[in-house]
Each structure stands twice: as structure tokens, then as C-alpha cells.
Amino acid sequence: YLNYLNYKGAYDLYKKVLDMDRENPEALVGMGTSLLGMHKPQETLKYYTEALKLNPKMVILYKKMGELYETSLNDMKKAVDYYDKYIAATHPGPNDE
């Protein structure tokens, strides 16, 4: 559903998965992404944060959270904090945006 931008349909399915397995980091990310598509950035952050706690190797979420704070929430301080976490975790090359 996410690939077809059916965010409500994706949300409903991820909710079912999380009802069965609340500690599924992939489902938490999917739920967050569904909520992002429904223009709910604060709720998206909640699910991304929970996924990171369960799987700290999902460092791309730091970048996604930085983008959320920068573009949707207009909080540049928090955006920079998350971008810094992403950089520290990944050591991106000079061509990384």
C-alpha cells in the first residue's frame, strides 16, 4: 500500500501487525511512514523512535527524523541534532546529501 500511496490502507495493515507483535521494528517504521503520508509528523516520530530503540542499527531513521524536524515541524535545532546523529553513525561520504 505504501508503494501506491495508500497510506490509510498501509496504516490499517501495520496496525494489525503491531497488535500481534508490538516489538516489530519494520512494522513500526511502516506505521510511521503511513502516518507521515497522512501528514501526522509528530506521530511518525513516535514510531520511528520506538523502532530505533528496538533496532539501533536502523540509523537511516536519524536522517528521516532530521528531515521531519526540518521540513514538517520547522525545528532546525532538533533537525541538526538528528543529522549529527546520522553523521556520527554512518560517516557519510562527500556525495551524501
Protein backbone atom coordinates (compact mmCIF):
# COMPACT_ATOMS: atom_id res chain seq x y z
CA TYR A 1 0.00 0.00 0.00
CA LEU A 2 2.84 2.41 0.72
CA ASN A 3 4.17 1.98 -2.82
CA TYR A 4 0.77 3.06 -4.15
CA LEU A 5 0.46 5.96 -1.69
CA ASN A 6 -2.50 4.32 0.03
CA TYR A 7 -1.41 5.50 3.46
CA LYS A 8 -4.66 4.65 5.24
CA GLY A 9 -4.60 1.11 3.85
CA ALA A 10 -0.97 0.71 4.91
CA TYR A 11 -1.78 2.14 8.34
CA ASP A 12 -4.57 -0.40 8.84
CA LEU A 13 -2.31 -3.33 7.92
CA TYR A 14 0.61 -2.15 10.04
CA LYS A 15 -1.78 -1.69 12.95
CA LYS A 16 -2.79 -5.35 12.64
CA VAL A 17 0.85 -6.43 12.63
CA LEU A 18 1.65 -4.27 15.65
CA ASP A 19 -1.39 -5.60 17.51
CA MET A 20 0.19 -9.06 17.15
CA ASP A 21 3.82 -8.02 17.62
CA ARG A 22 4.39 -4.59 19.18
CA GLU A 23 8.17 -5.05 19.02
CA ASN A 24 8.47 -5.38 15.24
CA PRO A 25 10.81 -2.58 14.15
CA GLU A 26 9.97 -2.89 10.46
CA ALA A 27 6.25 -2.58 11.19
CA LEU A 28 6.94 0.41 13.43
CA VAL A 29 8.79 2.13 10.59
CA GLY A 30 5.97 1.26 8.19
CA MET A 31 3.41 2.63 10.61
CA GLY A 32 5.42 5.81 10.97
CA THR A 33 5.74 6.17 7.22
CA SER A 34 1.99 5.65 6.82
CA LEU A 35 1.35 8.40 9.35
CA LEU A 36 3.81 10.66 7.57
CA GLY A 37 1.81 10.17 4.38
CA MET A 38 -1.30 11.21 6.33
CA HIS A 39 0.51 14.40 7.43
CA LYS A 40 0.99 13.38 11.07
CA PRO A 41 4.70 14.10 11.68
CA GLN A 42 4.57 14.01 15.49
CA GLU A 43 3.06 10.52 15.45
CA THR A 44 5.60 9.48 12.82
CA LEU A 45 8.43 10.49 15.17
CA LYS A 46 6.94 8.38 17.95
CA TYR A 47 7.02 5.23 15.82
CA TYR A 48 10.47 5.93 14.36
CA THR A 49 11.85 6.48 17.87
CA GLU A 50 10.34 3.23 19.07
CA ALA A 51 11.82 1.36 16.09
CA LEU A 52 15.28 2.81 16.82
CA LYS A 53 15.07 1.66 20.43
CA LEU A 54 14.33 -1.88 19.28
CA ASN A 55 16.89 -1.85 16.47
CA PRO A 56 19.64 0.76 16.88
CA LYS A 57 21.12 -0.29 13.54
CA MET A 58 18.27 1.47 11.69
CA VAL A 59 20.38 4.63 11.59
CA ILE A 60 18.69 5.90 8.41
CA LEU A 61 15.86 6.88 10.75
CA TYR A 62 18.09 9.60 12.23
CA LYS A 63 18.23 11.19 8.79
CA LYS A 64 14.48 10.77 8.26
CA MET A 65 13.78 12.31 11.67
CA GLY A 66 16.08 15.21 10.86
CA GLU A 67 14.16 15.78 7.64
CA LEU A 68 10.88 15.70 9.55
CA TYR A 69 12.04 18.28 12.05
CA GLU A 70 13.44 20.44 9.26
CA THR A 71 10.56 20.33 6.79
CA SER A 72 7.36 19.48 8.67
CA LEU A 73 7.99 20.73 12.18
CA ASN A 74 10.25 23.71 11.43
CA ASP A 75 12.58 22.91 14.34
CA MET A 76 16.07 23.39 12.98
CA LYS A 77 17.82 22.69 16.31
CA LYS A 78 16.29 19.22 16.56
CA ALA A 79 16.84 18.66 12.84
CA VAL A 80 20.56 19.37 13.24
CA ASP A 81 20.71 17.12 16.31
CA TYR A 82 19.32 14.20 14.31
CA TYR A 83 21.50 14.93 11.29
CA ASP A 84 24.51 14.91 13.64
CA LYS A 85 23.44 11.51 14.99
CA TYR A 86 23.13 10.22 11.43
CA ILE A 87 26.58 11.52 10.50
CA ALA A 88 28.15 10.06 13.63
CA ALA A 89 26.59 6.66 12.96
CA THR A 90 27.25 6.42 9.23
CA HIS A 91 30.28 8.59 8.42
CA PRO A 92 28.74 9.52 5.03
CA GLY A 93 30.93 10.30 2.07
CA PRO A 94 31.28 13.69 0.40
CA ASN A 95 28.46 12.94 -2.08
CA ASP A 96 25.85 12.15 0.58
CA GLU A 97 23.16 14.82 0.58
